[in-house]
C-alpha cells in the first residue's frame, strides 16, 4: 500500500483494516488474473513484476493495449 497514492487520505486504522483483509496472489508468467466481461469482485495491486492488459477483438483474438508495472495506479 505504500507504493500507491490511492490510500494517502485513509487513516492509519483504515489502512490497517484493509491490510488485514488483503491477500497475496502470485501468478506465473502467462497466467490470467481475470477475463474481459467478468464481474469485478476484488481490487488488485501489482507488488512486483508487470502484467499485460488485453482486450478481445470481435474475432476473439487478444490485443495488448498496455502494460502495468508494480506501484502504478
C-alpha atoms as a PDB file:
ATOM      1  CA  UNK A   1       0.000   0.000   0.000  1.00  0.00           C
ATOM      2  CA  UNK A   2       2.988   2.284   0.482  1.00  0.00           C
ATOM      3  CA  UNK A   3       3.691   2.197  -3.269  1.00  0.00           C
ATOM      4  CA  UNK A   4       0.429   3.815  -4.336  1.00  0.00           C
ATOM      5  CA  UNK A   5      -1.174   7.194  -3.663  1.00  0.00           C
ATOM      6  CA  UNK A   6      -4.607   5.599  -3.571  1.00  0.00           C
ATOM      7  CA  UNK A   7      -4.643   5.304   0.228  1.00  0.00           C
ATOM      8  CA  UNK A   8      -2.926   8.577   1.197  1.00  0.00           C
ATOM      9  CA  UNK A   9      -6.062  10.093   2.748  1.00  0.00           C
ATOM     10  CA  UNK A  10      -7.129   6.975   4.659  1.00  0.00           C
ATOM     11  CA  UNK A  11      -6.451   6.854   8.375  1.00  0.00           C
ATOM     12  CA  UNK A  12      -3.855   4.538   9.844  1.00  0.00           C
ATOM     13  CA  UNK A  13      -6.672   2.430  11.315  1.00  0.00           C
ATOM     14  CA  UNK A  14      -8.370   2.283   7.924  1.00  0.00           C
ATOM     15  CA  UNK A  15      -5.167   1.152   6.210  1.00  0.00           C
ATOM     16  CA  UNK A  16      -4.598  -1.452   8.920  1.00  0.00           C
ATOM     17  CA  UNK A  17      -8.094  -2.825   8.311  1.00  0.00           C
ATOM     18  CA  UNK A  18      -7.527  -3.039   4.552  1.00  0.00           C
ATOM     19  CA  UNK A  19      -4.158  -4.737   5.040  1.00  0.00           C
ATOM     20  CA  UNK A  20      -5.706  -7.270   7.435  1.00  0.00           C
ATOM     21  CA  UNK A  21      -8.369  -8.153   4.854  1.00  0.00           C
ATOM     22  CA  UNK A  22      -5.942  -8.297   1.921  1.00  0.00           C
ATOM     23  CA  UNK A  23      -4.480 -11.480   0.480  1.00  0.00           C
ATOM     24  CA  UNK A  24      -1.417 -12.103  -1.657  1.00  0.00           C
ATOM     25  CA  UNK A  25      -1.880 -13.737  -5.025  1.00  0.00           C
ATOM     26  CA  UNK A  26       1.125 -14.929  -7.002  1.00  0.00           C
ATOM     27  CA  UNK A  27       0.701 -15.569 -10.709  1.00  0.00           C
ATOM     28  CA  UNK A  28       3.045 -17.414 -13.027  1.00  0.00           C
ATOM     29  CA  UNK A  29       4.085 -15.829 -16.322  1.00  0.00           C
ATOM     30  CA  UNK A  30       1.224 -16.097 -18.799  1.00  0.00           C
ATOM     31  CA  UNK A  31      -1.402 -16.871 -16.149  1.00  0.00           C
ATOM     32  CA  UNK A  32      -4.734 -14.979 -16.390  1.00  0.00           C
ATOM     33  CA  UNK A  33      -5.887 -12.864 -13.450  1.00  0.00           C
ATOM     34  CA  UNK A  34      -9.372 -12.190 -14.827  1.00  0.00           C
ATOM     35  CA  UNK A  35     -11.104 -12.028 -18.188  1.00  0.00           C
ATOM     36  CA  UNK A  36     -12.849  -9.243 -20.036  1.00  0.00           C
ATOM     37  CA  UNK A  37     -16.526  -9.138 -19.102  1.00  0.00           C
ATOM     38  CA  UNK A  38     -16.183 -10.844 -15.712  1.00  0.00           C
ATOM     39  CA  UNK A  39     -17.760  -9.085 -12.727  1.00  0.00           C
ATOM     40  CA  UNK A  40     -15.311  -7.188 -10.537  1.00  0.00           C
ATOM     41  CA  UNK A  41     -15.112  -8.670  -7.058  1.00  0.00           C
ATOM     42  CA  UNK A  42     -11.662  -7.517  -5.918  1.00  0.00           C
ATOM     43  CA  UNK A  43      -9.095  -4.787  -6.332  1.00  0.00           C
ATOM     44  CA  UNK A  44      -5.594  -5.820  -7.378  1.00  0.00           C
ATOM     45  CA  UNK A  45      -2.227  -4.188  -6.775  1.00  0.00           C
ATOM     46  CA  UNK A  46       0.918  -5.202  -8.574  1.00  0.00           C
ATOM     47  CA  UNK A  47       3.611  -5.529  -5.897  1.00  0.00           C
ATOM     48  CA  UNK A  48       6.348  -6.812  -8.176  1.00  0.00           C
ATOM     49  CA  UNK A  49       6.761  -7.502 -11.853  1.00  0.00           C
ATOM     50  CA  UNK A  50       4.314  -6.388 -14.503  1.00  0.00           C
ATOM     51  CA  UNK A  51       1.212  -7.558 -16.325  1.00  0.00           C
ATOM     52  CA  UNK A  52      -0.202  -7.120 -19.787  1.00  0.00           C
ATOM     53  CA  UNK A  53      -3.676  -5.706 -20.291  1.00  0.00           C
ATOM     54  CA  UNK A  54      -5.561  -7.264 -23.184  1.00  0.00           C
ATOM     55  CA  UNK A  55      -8.952  -6.813 -24.821  1.00  0.00           C
ATOM     56  CA  UNK A  56     -10.644  -9.305 -27.081  1.00  0.00           C
ATOM     57  CA  UNK A  57     -11.489  -8.299 -30.628  1.00  0.00           C
ATOM     58  CA  UNK A  58     -14.806  -9.261 -32.243  1.00  0.00           C
ATOM     59  CA  UNK A  59     -12.967 -12.278 -33.705  1.00  0.00           C
ATOM     60  CA  UNK A  60     -11.980 -13.269 -30.115  1.00  0.00           C
ATOM     61  CA  UNK A  61      -8.266 -12.525 -30.634  1.00  0.00           C
ATOM     62  CA  UNK A  62      -6.470 -10.900 -27.672  1.00  0.00           C
ATOM     63  CA  UNK A  63      -4.953  -7.484 -28.329  1.00  0.00           C
ATOM     64  CA  UNK A  64      -2.392  -5.942 -25.951  1.00  0.00           C
ATOM     65  CA  UNK A  65      -3.459  -2.411 -25.011  1.00  0.00           C
ATOM     66  CA  UNK A  66      -0.993  -1.712 -22.205  1.00  0.00           C
ATOM     67  CA  UNK A  67       1.407  -2.970 -19.578  1.00  0.00           C
ATOM     68  CA  UNK A  68       1.083  -2.209 -15.853  1.00  0.00           C
ATOM     69  CA  UNK A  69       4.111  -2.278 -13.566  1.00  0.00           C
ATOM     70  CA  UNK A  70       4.489  -2.586  -9.797  1.00  0.00           C
ATOM     71  CA  UNK A  71       3.380   0.548  -7.949  1.00  0.00           C
ATOM     72  CA  UNK A  72       1.383   2.062 -10.820  1.00  0.00           C
ATOM     73  CA  UNK A  73      -2.213   3.138 -10.266  1.00  0.00           C
END
